Amino acid sequence: MKFKTITARILFSFSGIIILIAGFMIYNYVMNNKVEDKSQELIHTQLEMVLASQKVASSITVRSAATTNYITTGDLTYLDIFKEYSEIADEQNKYLNKLDPASADERQAVSEQAVNWREKFKKMFLMCMMQEMIS
């Protein structure tokens, strides 16, 4: 392009700079929206996982206390508490597997250990009941 005056050259250059700045602004706006959407999705998923994990941890504590109290007192209500919180833990583990399938294998191993622990508890319970019957 051939410009006849310096004013035309300045206006053309200024217009080019304005167009570049407008393009960068639009690009930044679109990218910020994408980052915001991903952040919200991540926060939602992670928050759900933290809450479910907290419920699992809480159920472990309650089940442990119920086991100790049952062994100490022999009161059968602690067995009901143990069963109730075992079901809660199973439900939360299923929910966690749905939220994060990539870690499902690790949680499955922990769940299997929990089932083994419950079986040992049942055996211990039966032994205690048999001792009470003998005594």
Foldseek 3Di string as FASTA:
>chain_A
DDDPDVVVVVVVVVVVVVVVVVVVVVVVVVVVVVVVVVVVVVCVLVVLLVVLVVLLVVLVVLLVVLLVVCVVPVDCVSVVSNVVSLVSNVVSLVVNCVSPVVCNVVSVVVVVVVVVVVVVSVVVNVVVVVVVVVD
